[in-house]
């Protein structure tokens, strides 16, 4: 196969090498290459921001060099060829023969993107994109030699790394003693995510089984101290196993944040705006499934921040601001939640323009004077946009409604803070995991419901006359001198309560959909950490229900989605929300 033929390998990019037919070896190659490409992108964006570090350039070169060696051994010709050509350009940059201009950085970033697409094609058994156009641009940049070598004999360590599935650090193997490398490998093991998810599911089943045994009435009636001690020990062990299994599925949000840095870089180039991006809290850990689901919402928010929020350089200078806009992406733990903050120092949300557009669209009446909070929430309405022109970045009103739906799907909520002329801050408040939830178990008639504990403010029994009906406002409850909307849960789900008299019920003050309201229930049964179970495709879209859980007595309880429980009553009262 000639060097040019290497750019057009058979389907999937593999040649006739039998090693390339080994699924475990190919998967190992894909994972290793993805890690290297992630590091390459991070270093390139650092160089694009003006952090000219020779070590960053060396790291980028080593990444492409390693990918080339592994791809060559497995006869993934296109990947080997592209990596070789980019490596040649980077070698010229390392030797001071080529400046890392924005054009060079962008071309190398596009090369990394192409390699990612080829890795995806290998994974699915399909065809990757044609690299010809990109290779021509790379040649122009560095006047690189056209012929990549075959697998280089000078890379024995890389070849060994490709052969050995146990090695997860081929780039480090050259510089580490065998004992040190073994120590690194002993501390980490790569596990297929489907196996990990299955483990978490099975641990959840074990927690349910343990809880059912603990609450079994037959065992409760037996006066057996030794059995009671053994059950307590079982409960402690089960709890530890559950926490360990969940911790295994946690991962730092740093990888997600670094991907967002690339998004901001690309949008800044498209809009002609210089953006300084600050990332903090990348070490904060979150459930892997949540991290995967957050990619699209964060991308939409950052696109809006750059396109709508941050002003052009001339406008910023006229306002006395630095020419470069500032964008901050941070993560932190607060009160059992993770809070992701997207903040910019742009113009802030234009309350007047949003309100005018909302009135034209019939979302707000001409006489209503909503609070700032209510006005800012309007940007999440489907199709809502105040952009004067439509661009390929934004302006069609598609994006923020998707953001809200996705965050609500993750049992989270969004809060907005904005100061005119100074910028906006979006706070995404999310649970740490989608697998378990701390909840209050309440009874309504013969049914059991679970209210996520993080949304509960207080529980009280209403005083006489505390509940009343106001014209055009619906039912309201007086709680500590404030009027709050009231939702009778039995009416919401069409069941028979024990009593309709408010004085014989409990009110649970909950916060959801950026509002505070009261839920009326018959009784409080207790607090319990429950494993969330999907209700399946038939019931997954029932308004107000987020999932199900098996309780300690073996009964099934429905986990409430408090945003959707309140949603039918959202028109009841906006101005009285606390």
Protein backbone atom coordinates (compact mmCIF):
# COMPACT_ATOMS: atom_id res chain seq x y z
CA UNK A 1 0.00 0.00 0.00
CA UNK A 2 1.46 3.36 -1.04
CA UNK A 3 1.57 6.39 1.19
CA UNK A 4 -1.28 7.99 -0.69
CA UNK A 5 -3.29 4.79 -0.50
CA UNK A 6 -2.99 5.04 3.25
CA UNK A 7 -5.36 7.98 3.11
CA UNK A 8 -8.05 5.74 1.64
CA UNK A 9 -8.15 2.55 3.68
CA UNK A 10 -10.92 -0.03 3.60
CA UNK A 11 -14.15 0.52 5.50
CA UNK A 12 -13.50 1.32 9.13
CA UNK A 13 -9.96 2.39 8.32
CA UNK A 14 -8.38 -1.01 8.96
CA UNK A 15 -6.09 -2.85 6.63
CA UNK A 16 -5.51 -6.61 6.52
CA UNK A 17 -3.87 -6.75 9.95
CA UNK A 18 -5.63 -9.38 12.06
CA UNK A 19 -4.86 -7.35 15.17
CA UNK A 20 -7.31 -4.73 13.91
CA UNK A 21 -10.04 -7.36 14.06
CA UNK A 22 -9.57 -7.80 17.82
CA UNK A 23 -12.46 -5.78 19.34
CA UNK A 24 -10.75 -5.35 22.72
CA UNK A 25 -7.56 -4.09 21.13
CA UNK A 26 -9.46 -1.70 18.86
CA UNK A 27 -11.51 -0.40 21.77
CA UNK A 28 -8.32 0.18 23.74
CA UNK A 29 -6.88 2.11 20.80
CA UNK A 30 -10.03 4.25 20.53
CA UNK A 31 -10.02 5.08 24.25
CA UNK A 32 -6.32 5.94 24.27
CA UNK A 33 -6.64 8.10 21.17
CA UNK A 34 -9.64 9.95 22.59
CA UNK A 35 -7.65 10.73 25.74
CA UNK A 36 -4.77 12.08 23.67
CA UNK A 37 -7.08 14.15 21.47
CA UNK A 38 -8.70 15.67 24.56
CA UNK A 39 -5.28 16.69 25.91
CA UNK A 40 -4.26 17.99 22.47
CA UNK A 41 -7.33 20.23 22.30
CA UNK A 42 -6.75 21.60 25.79
CA UNK A 43 -3.13 22.54 24.97
CA UNK A 44 -4.09 24.05 21.61
CA UNK A 45 -6.72 26.29 23.19
CA UNK A 46 -4.16 27.34 25.78
CA UNK A 47 -1.80 28.38 22.96
CA UNK A 48 -4.70 30.18 21.22
CA UNK A 49 -5.18 32.25 24.39
CA UNK A 50 -1.58 33.41 24.16
CA UNK A 51 -0.06 30.98 26.66
CA UNK A 52 2.94 30.13 24.50
CA UNK A 53 4.47 27.23 26.39
CA UNK A 54 7.05 24.97 24.78
CA UNK A 55 5.85 22.14 27.01
CA UNK A 56 2.31 22.52 25.62
CA UNK A 57 3.67 22.29 22.09
CA UNK A 58 5.74 19.22 22.99
CA UNK A 59 2.65 17.60 24.57
CA UNK A 60 0.62 18.21 21.39
CA UNK A 61 3.41 16.73 19.27
CA UNK A 62 3.68 13.67 21.52
CA UNK A 63 -0.09 13.14 21.33
CA UNK A 64 -0.13 13.01 17.54
CA UNK A 65 3.08 10.93 17.54
CA UNK A 66 1.51 8.33 19.84
CA UNK A 67 -1.71 8.15 17.85
CA UNK A 68 0.30 7.73 14.64
CA UNK A 69 2.31 4.85 16.06
CA UNK A 70 -0.70 2.97 17.39
CA UNK A 71 -2.75 3.57 14.24
CA UNK A 72 0.15 2.44 12.05
CA UNK A 73 0.55 -0.82 13.91
CA UNK A 74 -3.17 -1.57 13.55
CA UNK A 75 -3.10 -0.39 9.91
CA UNK A 76 -5.66 2.38 10.37
CA UNK A 77 -4.16 4.18 7.39
CA UNK A 78 -6.06 7.46 7.36
CA UNK A 79 -5.47 8.14 11.03
CA UNK A 80 -1.79 7.29 10.69
CA UNK A 81 -1.40 9.50 7.63
CA UNK A 82 -3.17 12.57 9.06
CA UNK A 83 -1.35 12.25 12.38
CA UNK A 84 1.98 12.03 10.57
CA UNK A 85 1.37 15.13 8.46
CA UNK A 86 0.24 17.19 11.45
CA UNK A 87 3.17 15.86 13.47
CA UNK A 88 5.54 17.15 10.77
CA UNK A 89 4.05 20.65 11.00
CA UNK A 90 4.25 20.57 14.80
CA UNK A 91 7.88 19.47 14.60
CA UNK A 92 8.63 22.58 12.55
CA UNK A 93 6.88 24.66 15.21
CA UNK A 94 8.93 22.98 17.95
CA UNK A 95 12.14 23.84 16.07
CA UNK A 96 11.11 27.47 15.67
CA UNK A 97 10.57 27.19 11.90
CA UNK A 98 6.82 27.82 12.11
CA UNK A 99 4.82 30.22 14.29
CA UNK A 100 1.71 28.86 16.02
CA UNK A 101 -0.63 31.44 14.52
CA UNK A 102 -4.41 31.28 14.85
CA UNK A 103 -4.57 29.70 11.39
CA UNK A 104 -2.16 26.94 12.43
CA UNK A 105 -4.04 26.33 15.68
CA UNK A 106 -7.39 26.14 13.87
CA UNK A 107 -6.01 23.70 11.29
CA UNK A 108 -4.55 21.42 13.95
CA UNK A 109 -7.88 21.58 15.84
CA UNK A 110 -9.70 20.55 12.68
CA UNK A 111 -7.23 17.69 12.27
CA UNK A 112 -8.04 16.51 15.77
CA UNK A 113 -11.76 16.73 14.93
CA UNK A 114 -11.22 14.63 11.81
CA UNK A 115 -9.38 11.98 13.83
CA UNK A 116 -12.28 11.92 16.29
CA UNK A 117 -14.67 11.31 13.41
CA UNK A 118 -12.52 8.45 12.19
CA UNK A 119 -12.42 6.93 15.67
CA UNK A 120 -16.22 7.07 15.73
CA UNK A 121 -16.32 5.43 12.29
CA UNK A 122 -14.06 2.62 13.48
CA UNK A 123 -16.28 2.12 16.51
CA UNK A 124 -19.43 1.85 14.39
CA UNK A 125 -17.81 0.01 11.49
CA UNK A 126 -18.53 2.84 9.05
CA UNK A 127 -16.51 5.23 6.91
CA UNK A 128 -14.82 8.36 8.16
CA UNK A 129 -14.58 11.68 6.28
CA UNK A 130 -12.25 12.19 3.34
CA UNK A 131 -9.08 13.91 4.63
CA UNK A 132 -7.82 15.20 1.26
CA UNK A 133 -8.86 18.84 1.69
CA UNK A 134 -7.51 19.06 5.19
CA UNK A 135 -4.22 17.43 4.22
CA UNK A 136 -3.76 19.99 1.44
CA UNK A 137 -4.12 22.79 3.97
CA UNK A 138 -1.66 21.07 6.31
CA UNK A 139 0.85 20.79 3.44
CA UNK A 140 0.49 24.48 2.67
CA UNK A 141 1.10 25.38 6.30
CA UNK A 142 4.30 23.49 6.79
CA UNK A 143 5.31 22.35 3.30
CA UNK A 144 5.42 18.93 4.90
CA UNK A 145 6.85 15.86 3.14
CA UNK A 146 4.09 13.89 1.50
CA UNK A 147 5.12 10.37 2.46
CA UNK A 148 4.47 9.09 5.97
CA UNK A 149 6.65 6.20 7.02
CA UNK A 150 5.23 2.80 7.76
CA UNK A 151 5.20 1.68 11.37
CA UNK A 152 8.46 3.07 12.67
CA UNK A 153 10.94 0.57 14.06
CA UNK A 154 12.03 3.29 16.49
CA UNK A 155 8.72 3.04 18.36
CA UNK A 156 8.89 -0.38 20.10
CA UNK A 157 7.23 0.95 23.23
CA UNK A 158 4.24 2.18 21.26
CA UNK A 159 3.92 -1.13 19.45
CA UNK A 160 4.05 -3.03 22.74
CA UNK A 161 1.42 -0.71 24.15
CA UNK A 162 -0.85 -1.49 21.21
CA UNK A 163 -0.39 -5.23 21.69
CA UNK A 164 -0.88 -5.18 25.44
CA UNK A 165 -4.49 -4.44 26.49
CA UNK A 166 -3.34 -4.00 30.08
CA UNK A 167 -1.32 -0.89 29.30
CA UNK A 168 -3.37 2.28 29.56
CA UNK A 169 -0.48 4.72 29.51
CA UNK A 170 1.60 4.07 26.36
CA UNK A 171 2.91 7.63 26.16
CA UNK A 172 4.33 7.35 29.68
CA UNK A 173 5.73 3.86 29.30
CA UNK A 174 8.95 5.07 27.69
CA UNK A 175 9.90 7.16 30.70
CA UNK A 176 8.84 4.94 33.60
CA UNK A 177 10.53 2.07 35.35
CA UNK A 178 8.59 -1.24 35.20
CA UNK A 179 7.81 -1.10 38.91
CA UNK A 180 6.49 2.47 38.64
CA UNK A 181 4.34 1.61 35.63
CA UNK A 182 2.92 -1.42 37.41
CA UNK A 183 2.05 0.77 40.39
CA UNK A 184 0.14 3.19 38.15
CA UNK A 185 -1.74 0.35 36.44
CA UNK A 186 -2.59 -1.22 39.80
CA UNK A 187 -4.35 1.97 40.92
CA UNK A 188 -6.75 2.20 37.97
CA UNK A 189 -8.75 -0.25 35.89
CA UNK A 190 -10.79 0.55 32.78
CA UNK A 191 -14.31 -0.82 32.99
CA UNK A 192 -16.96 -0.86 30.29
CA UNK A 193 -19.62 1.68 31.25
CA UNK A 194 -22.46 -0.76 30.59
CA UNK A 195 -20.98 -3.13 33.19
CA UNK A 196 -20.68 -0.27 35.66
CA UNK A 197 -24.29 0.78 35.09
CA UNK A 198 -25.40 -2.83 35.57
CA UNK A 199 -23.44 -2.98 38.84
CA UNK A 200 -25.16 0.18 40.10
CA UNK A 201 -28.55 -1.24 39.11
CA UNK A 202 -27.86 -4.49 40.95
CA UNK A 203 -26.67 -2.62 44.03
CA UNK A 204 -29.92 -0.67 43.87
CA UNK A 205 -31.84 -3.95 43.83
CA UNK A 206 -29.82 -5.11 46.83
CA UNK A 207 -30.69 -1.92 48.72
CA UNK A 208 -34.38 -2.49 47.98
CA UNK A 209 -34.19 -6.12 49.12
CA UNK A 210 -32.38 -5.15 52.32
CA UNK A 211 -34.96 -2.46 53.07
CA UNK A 212 -37.83 -4.92 52.51
CA UNK A 213 -36.24 -7.40 54.90
CA UNK A 214 -35.65 -4.69 57.49
CA UNK A 215 -39.30 -3.59 57.34
CA UNK A 216 -40.77 -7.08 57.13
CA UNK A 217 -43.57 -7.22 59.78
CA UNK A 218 -42.87 -10.89 60.54
CA UNK A 219 -39.31 -10.07 61.54
CA UNK A 220 -40.35 -6.96 63.46
CA UNK A 221 -42.65 -9.02 65.66
CA UNK A 222 -39.84 -11.43 66.57
CA UNK A 223 -37.92 -10.58 69.70
CA UNK A 224 -34.53 -11.76 68.47
CA UNK A 225 -31.73 -9.36 69.55
CA UNK A 226 -29.06 -11.25 67.62
CA UNK A 227 -31.14 -11.15 64.43
CA UNK A 228 -31.70 -7.41 64.94
CA UNK A 229 -27.94 -6.85 65.30
CA UNK A 230 -27.25 -8.87 62.14
CA UNK A 231 -29.84 -6.87 60.21
CA UNK A 232 -28.24 -3.62 61.37
CA UNK A 233 -24.85 -4.89 60.21
CA UNK A 234 -26.37 -5.86 56.86
CA UNK A 235 -27.85 -2.36 56.54
CA UNK A 236 -24.45 -0.74 57.21
CA UNK A 237 -22.67 -2.95 54.69
CA UNK A 238 -25.37 -2.40 52.06
CA UNK A 239 -25.13 1.36 52.56
CA UNK A 240 -21.33 1.26 52.16
CA UNK A 241 -21.57 -0.86 49.00
CA UNK A 242 -24.13 1.51 47.52
CA UNK A 243 -22.00 4.58 48.24
CA UNK A 244 -18.91 2.87 46.77
CA UNK A 245 -20.77 1.82 43.62
CA UNK A 246 -22.14 5.33 43.15
CA UNK A 247 -18.67 6.84 43.72
CA UNK A 248 -17.33 4.62 40.92
CA UNK A 249 -19.79 6.26 38.56
CA UNK A 250 -18.76 9.77 39.57
CA UNK A 251 -16.40 11.73 37.37
CA UNK A 252 -15.00 15.28 37.44
CA UNK A 253 -16.77 17.84 35.26
CA UNK A 254 -13.37 19.03 34.04
CA UNK A 255 -13.63 16.98 30.83
CA UNK A 256 -17.00 18.54 30.03
CA UNK A 257 -15.74 22.04 30.84
CA UNK A 258 -12.71 21.60 28.60
CA UNK A 259 -15.01 20.67 25.72
CA UNK A 260 -16.90 23.89 26.35
CA UNK A 261 -13.67 25.86 26.06
CA UNK A 262 -13.46 24.68 22.45
CA UNK A 263 -17.09 25.72 21.85
CA UNK A 264 -16.39 29.23 23.13
CA UNK A 265 -13.21 29.47 21.04
CA UNK A 266 -15.08 28.55 17.84
CA UNK A 267 -18.03 30.87 18.49
CA UNK A 268 -15.68 33.72 19.36
CA UNK A 269 -13.96 33.28 16.01
CA UNK A 270 -17.29 33.20 14.17
CA UNK A 271 -18.63 36.32 15.86
CA UNK A 272 -15.33 38.19 15.77
CA UNK A 273 -15.29 38.59 19.56
CA UNK A 274 -12.33 38.06 21.82
CA UNK A 275 -13.36 35.97 24.82
CA UNK A 276 -11.41 35.28 27.99
CA UNK A 277 -12.81 32.14 29.57
CA UNK A 278 -12.27 31.23 33.21
CA UNK A 279 -12.96 27.71 34.46
CA UNK A 280 -13.09 26.83 38.15
CA UNK A 281 -14.27 23.80 40.08
CA UNK A 282 -13.40 21.34 37.32
CA UNK A 283 -12.48 18.78 39.97
CA UNK A 284 -16.10 18.71 41.22
CA UNK A 285 -17.49 15.23 40.71
CA UNK A 286 -20.87 14.39 39.23
CA UNK A 287 -22.65 11.26 38.06
CA UNK A 288 -21.24 10.28 34.66
CA UNK A 289 -24.73 10.07 33.18
CA UNK A 290 -25.42 13.64 34.27
CA UNK A 291 -22.16 14.85 32.76
CA UNK A 292 -23.11 13.31 29.41
CA UNK A 293 -26.58 14.89 29.48
CA UNK A 294 -25.24 18.37 30.34
CA UNK A 295 -23.22 18.81 27.15
CA UNK A 296 -26.01 20.23 24.96
CA UNK A 297 -27.56 22.57 27.58
CA UNK A 298 -24.18 24.07 28.42
CA UNK A 299 -23.34 24.52 24.76
CA UNK A 300 -26.59 26.42 24.13
CA UNK A 301 -26.02 28.67 27.14
CA UNK A 302 -22.45 29.50 26.16
CA UNK A 303 -23.48 30.23 22.58
CA UNK A 304 -26.10 32.66 23.84
CA UNK A 305 -23.65 34.27 26.27
CA UNK A 306 -21.13 34.96 23.50
CA UNK A 307 -23.60 35.92 20.77
CA UNK A 308 -26.23 37.84 22.77
CA UNK A 309 -24.59 38.71 26.07
CA UNK A 310 -21.05 39.87 25.35
CA UNK A 311 -20.86 43.03 23.27
CA UNK A 312 -18.51 43.63 20.31
CA UNK A 313 -15.10 45.08 21.22
CA UNK A 314 -15.91 48.64 20.05
CA UNK A 315 -19.12 48.73 22.10
CA UNK A 316 -17.32 47.41 25.17
CA UNK A 317 -14.55 49.99 24.84
CA UNK A 318 -17.14 52.77 24.51
CA UNK A 319 -18.69 51.57 27.79
CA UNK A 320 -15.31 51.58 29.53
CA UNK A 321 -15.03 47.79 29.55
CA UNK A 322 -12.02 45.74 28.39
CA UNK A 323 -12.20 44.83 24.71
CA UNK A 324 -12.18 41.11 25.55
CA UNK A 325 -15.34 39.71 27.04
CA UNK A 326 -15.13 37.56 30.16
CA UNK A 327 -16.96 34.28 30.52
CA UNK A 328 -16.86 32.19 33.69
CA UNK A 329 -17.81 28.53 33.96
CA UNK A 330 -17.68 27.04 37.43
CA UNK A 331 -18.96 24.09 39.45
CA UNK A 332 -19.39 23.60 43.18
CA UNK A 333 -21.28 21.55 45.73
CA UNK A 334 -24.01 23.30 47.70
CA UNK A 335 -26.49 21.67 50.09
CA UNK A 336 -26.40 18.24 48.48
CA UNK A 337 -26.58 19.66 44.96
CA UNK A 338 -24.07 20.56 42.33
CA UNK A 339 -24.34 24.13 41.06
CA UNK A 340 -22.95 24.97 37.63
CA UNK A 341 -22.56 28.69 37.00
CA UNK A 342 -22.36 30.32 33.58
CA UNK A 343 -21.58 34.02 33.95
CA UNK A 344 -20.62 36.76 31.51
CA UNK A 345 -19.74 40.44 31.85
CA UNK A 346 -21.84 41.49 28.87
CA UNK A 347 -24.86 43.74 28.50
CA UNK A 348 -27.17 41.70 30.73
CA UNK A 349 -30.74 40.72 29.89
CA UNK A 350 -32.78 43.57 28.37
CA UNK A 351 -35.93 43.49 30.53
CA UNK A 352 -37.80 46.02 28.39
CA UNK A 353 -37.11 44.23 25.12
CA UNK A 354 -38.03 40.81 26.59
CA UNK A 355 -41.29 42.19 28.03
CA UNK A 356 -42.24 43.90 24.75
CA UNK A 357 -41.65 40.68 22.80
CA UNK A 358 -43.61 38.66 25.38
CA UNK A 359 -46.59 41.01 25.12
CA UNK A 360 -46.52 40.85 21.33
CA UNK A 361 -46.53 37.05 21.56
CA UNK A 362 -49.36 37.05 24.09
CA UNK A 363 -47.26 35.56 26.88
CA UNK A 364 -47.87 38.55 29.19
CA UNK A 365 -50.97 40.74 29.26
CA UNK A 366 -50.65 44.43 28.46
CA UNK A 367 -51.58 45.43 32.02
CA UNK A 368 -49.50 42.90 33.93
CA UNK A 369 -46.27 44.10 35.53
CA UNK A 370 -44.31 40.91 36.25
CA UNK A 371 -41.29 40.61 38.50
CA UNK A 372 -37.78 40.52 37.04
CA UNK A 373 -37.65 36.80 37.80
CA UNK A 374 -40.80 36.15 35.79
CA UNK A 375 -39.55 38.29 32.88
CA UNK A 376 -36.22 36.47 32.73
CA UNK A 377 -38.01 33.10 32.67
CA UNK A 378 -39.68 34.13 29.41
CA UNK A 379 -36.45 33.49 27.50
CA UNK A 380 -37.12 29.77 28.08
CA UNK A 381 -40.39 29.90 26.14
CA UNK A 382 -40.29 27.90 22.85
CA UNK A 383 -39.38 30.09 19.89
CA UNK A 384 -38.69 33.13 22.05
CA UNK A 385 -35.83 35.29 20.78
CA UNK A 386 -35.06 39.01 20.88
CA UNK A 387 -32.23 38.76 18.35
CA UNK A 388 -32.51 41.44 15.65
CA UNK A 389 -30.93 39.18 13.03
CA UNK A 390 -30.67 35.45 12.50
CA UNK A 391 -27.14 34.06 12.28
CA UNK A 392 -25.64 30.59 12.13
CA UNK A 393 -24.89 30.98 15.85
CA UNK A 394 -28.31 31.93 17.23
CA UNK A 395 -31.41 34.02 16.75
CA UNK A 396 -34.07 31.49 15.73
CA UNK A 397 -35.43 31.10 19.26
CA UNK A 398 -34.21 27.51 19.40
CA UNK A 399 -32.03 26.61 22.35
CA UNK A 400 -33.10 28.01 25.70
CA UNK A 401 -36.40 26.09 25.78
CA UNK A 402 -34.35 22.97 25.05
CA UNK A 403 -32.04 23.92 27.91
CA UNK A 404 -34.90 24.17 30.40
CA UNK A 405 -36.49 20.88 29.29
CA UNK A 406 -33.17 19.07 29.54
CA UNK A 407 -32.36 20.48 32.98
CA UNK A 408 -35.84 19.61 34.25
CA UNK A 409 -35.39 16.10 32.87
CA UNK A 410 -32.28 15.87 35.07
CA UNK A 411 -34.36 16.91 38.12
CA UNK A 412 -32.65 20.27 38.17
CA UNK A 413 -33.64 23.91 37.84
CA UNK A 414 -32.21 27.14 36.45
CA UNK A 415 -31.97 30.49 38.21
CA UNK A 416 -31.11 33.73 36.45
CA UNK A 417 -29.40 36.81 37.85
CA UNK A 418 -28.80 39.81 35.63
CA UNK A 419 -27.62 43.40 36.04
CA UNK A 420 -28.10 45.76 33.06
CA UNK A 421 -24.76 46.69 31.55
CA UNK A 422 -22.81 44.35 33.84
CA UNK A 423 -23.74 40.87 32.69
CA UNK A 424 -25.82 37.80 33.47
CA UNK A 425 -25.39 34.69 35.56
CA UNK A 426 -27.21 31.41 34.97
CA UNK A 427 -27.18 28.92 37.85
CA UNK A 428 -27.93 25.27 37.07
CA UNK A 429 -28.83 23.40 40.26
CA UNK A 430 -28.69 19.65 39.78
CA UNK A 431 -28.81 16.50 41.92
CA UNK A 432 -25.51 14.68 42.37
CA UNK A 433 -26.87 11.53 40.74
CA UNK A 434 -29.84 10.28 38.77
CA UNK A 435 -29.80 6.88 40.49
CA UNK A 436 -30.93 7.68 44.05
CA UNK A 437 -32.84 10.45 45.77
CA UNK A 438 -33.43 11.47 49.38
CA UNK A 439 -37.16 11.90 49.75
CA UNK A 440 -40.10 12.42 52.05
CA UNK A 441 -42.61 9.61 51.79
CA UNK A 442 -46.13 11.02 52.10
CA UNK A 443 -49.54 9.42 52.01
CA UNK A 444 -52.55 10.63 50.07
CA UNK A 445 -55.52 8.31 50.46
CA UNK A 446 -54.22 4.80 49.88
CA UNK A 447 -51.30 5.97 47.72
CA UNK A 448 -47.66 6.74 48.54
CA UNK A 449 -45.68 9.58 46.97
CA UNK A 450 -42.05 10.58 47.34
CA UNK A 451 -41.15 14.27 47.40
CA UNK A 452 -37.45 15.04 46.69
CA UNK A 453 -36.05 16.35 49.95
CA UNK A 454 -33.93 19.06 48.34
CA UNK A 455 -37.08 20.92 47.23
CA UNK A 456 -38.81 20.86 50.65
CA UNK A 457 -38.66 24.04 52.72
CA UNK A 458 -40.91 23.15 55.66
CA UNK A 459 -43.85 21.02 56.78
CA UNK A 460 -46.76 22.40 58.79
CA UNK A 461 -50.36 21.84 59.76
CA UNK A 462 -52.48 24.77 58.56
CA UNK A 463 -54.21 26.97 61.11
CA UNK A 464 -57.96 27.63 60.89
CA UNK A 465 -58.72 29.98 58.03
CA UNK A 466 -55.21 29.68 56.55
CA UNK A 467 -56.55 28.27 53.27
CA UNK A 468 -58.87 30.38 51.13
CA UNK A 469 -59.94 30.83 47.53
CA UNK A 470 -59.24 34.12 45.77
CA UNK A 471 -60.96 35.10 42.55
CA UNK A 472 -58.69 34.55 39.51
CA UNK A 473 -55.97 33.32 41.86
CA UNK A 474 -57.24 29.90 42.88
CA UNK A 475 -56.55 28.45 46.33
CA UNK A 476 -53.94 30.15 48.49
CA UNK A 477 -52.45 29.29 51.87
CA UNK A 478 -51.09 31.77 54.39
CA UNK A 479 -47.63 30.64 55.52
CA UNK A 480 -45.75 32.93 57.89
CA UNK A 481 -47.56 35.97 56.57
CA UNK A 482 -47.10 35.08 52.86
CA UNK A 483 -49.71 33.95 50.37
CA UNK A 484 -48.62 30.82 48.54
CA UNK A 485 -50.44 28.86 45.80
CA UNK A 486 -51.94 25.61 47.07
CA UNK A 487 -51.96 22.31 45.16
CA UNK A 488 -54.21 19.57 46.53
CA UNK A 489 -52.31 16.45 45.52
CA UNK A 490 -55.42 14.27 45.52
CA UNK A 491 -57.01 16.51 42.89
CA UNK A 492 -53.81 16.59 40.87
CA UNK A 493 -53.82 12.78 40.49
CA UNK A 494 -57.57 12.12 40.77
CA UNK A 495 -57.59 9.96 43.93
CA UNK A 496 -59.77 9.85 47.04
CA UNK A 497 -58.15 11.53 50.10
CA UNK A 498 -58.79 10.70 53.71
CA UNK A 499 -60.08 14.22 54.26
CA UNK A 500 -60.64 17.35 52.20
CA UNK A 501 -60.56 19.57 55.30
CA UNK A 502 -57.21 21.47 55.28
CA UNK A 503 -57.00 21.37 59.09
CA UNK A 504 -56.88 17.58 58.97
CA UNK A 505 -54.04 17.54 56.44
CA UNK A 506 -50.40 18.59 56.18
CA UNK A 507 -48.96 21.33 53.99
CA UNK A 508 -45.52 20.78 52.51
CA UNK A 509 -43.91 24.04 51.39
CA UNK A 510 -41.89 23.20 48.30
CA UNK A 511 -39.75 25.16 45.86
CA UNK A 512 -40.03 24.28 42.17
CA UNK A 513 -40.18 26.01 38.79
CA UNK A 514 -38.57 29.02 40.52
CA UNK A 515 -41.69 29.39 42.66
CA UNK A 516 -42.67 28.43 46.18
CA UNK A 517 -46.01 26.72 46.74
CA UNK A 518 -47.79 24.33 49.10
CA UNK A 519 -48.67 20.68 48.56
CA UNK A 520 -51.58 19.31 50.56
CA UNK A 521 -51.14 15.66 51.68
CA UNK A 522 -52.85 13.40 54.22
CA UNK A 523 -49.85 12.27 56.22
CA UNK A 524 -46.08 12.19 56.49
CA UNK A 525 -44.80 8.60 56.57
CA UNK A 526 -41.08 9.26 56.88
CA UNK A 527 -37.78 10.06 55.18
CA UNK A 528 -36.15 7.46 52.95
CA UNK A 529 -33.34 7.23 50.42
CA UNK A 530 -34.89 5.50 47.42
CA UNK A 531 -33.55 3.99 44.22
CA UNK A 532 -35.19 5.63 41.20
CA UNK A 533 -36.87 3.28 38.76
CA UNK A 534 -38.05 4.21 35.29
CA UNK A 535 -41.77 3.76 34.68
CA UNK A 536 -41.19 2.65 31.09
CA UNK A 537 -42.25 4.29 27.83
CA UNK A 538 -45.98 4.05 28.60
CA UNK A 539 -45.85 6.13 31.79
CA UNK A 540 -42.63 8.09 31.38
CA UNK A 541 -44.43 11.26 30.22
CA UNK A 542 -47.08 11.42 32.95
CA UNK A 543 -47.07 15.09 34.11
CA UNK A 544 -45.84 15.48 37.65
CA UNK A 545 -44.20 12.05 37.92
CA UNK A 546 -40.41 11.66 37.67
CA UNK A 547 -40.22 7.92 38.30
CA UNK A 548 -41.05 5.18 40.75
CA UNK A 549 -39.42 3.56 43.75
CA UNK A 550 -39.95 0.40 45.78
CA UNK A 551 -40.44 1.34 49.42
CA UNK A 552 -39.32 -0.58 52.46
CA UNK A 553 -42.67 -2.32 52.83
CA UNK A 554 -42.52 -3.54 49.24
CA UNK A 555 -45.06 -1.05 47.95
CA UNK A 556 -44.38 1.16 44.94
CA UNK A 557 -44.31 4.92 45.42
CA UNK A 558 -44.30 7.56 42.70
CA UNK A 559 -41.49 10.13 42.81
CA UNK A 560 -42.93 13.58 42.17
CA UNK A 561 -41.57 15.99 39.62
CA UNK A 562 -42.44 19.15 41.53
CA UNK A 563 -41.95 21.48 38.57
CA UNK A 564 -44.57 19.57 36.59
CA UNK A 565 -46.87 19.15 39.61
CA UNK A 566 -47.02 22.92 39.88
CA UNK A 567 -47.08 23.57 36.13
CA UNK A 568 -50.87 23.31 35.63
CA UNK A 569 -51.19 25.93 38.37
CA UNK A 570 -48.48 28.22 37.02
CA UNK A 571 -51.10 30.75 35.89
CA UNK A 572 -52.70 30.79 39.33
CA UNK A 573 -50.29 33.21 40.85
CA UNK A 574 -47.01 34.68 39.79
CA UNK A 575 -46.89 37.86 41.81
CA UNK A 576 -47.34 36.10 45.14
CA UNK A 577 -44.53 33.58 44.68
CA UNK A 578 -41.92 33.92 47.38
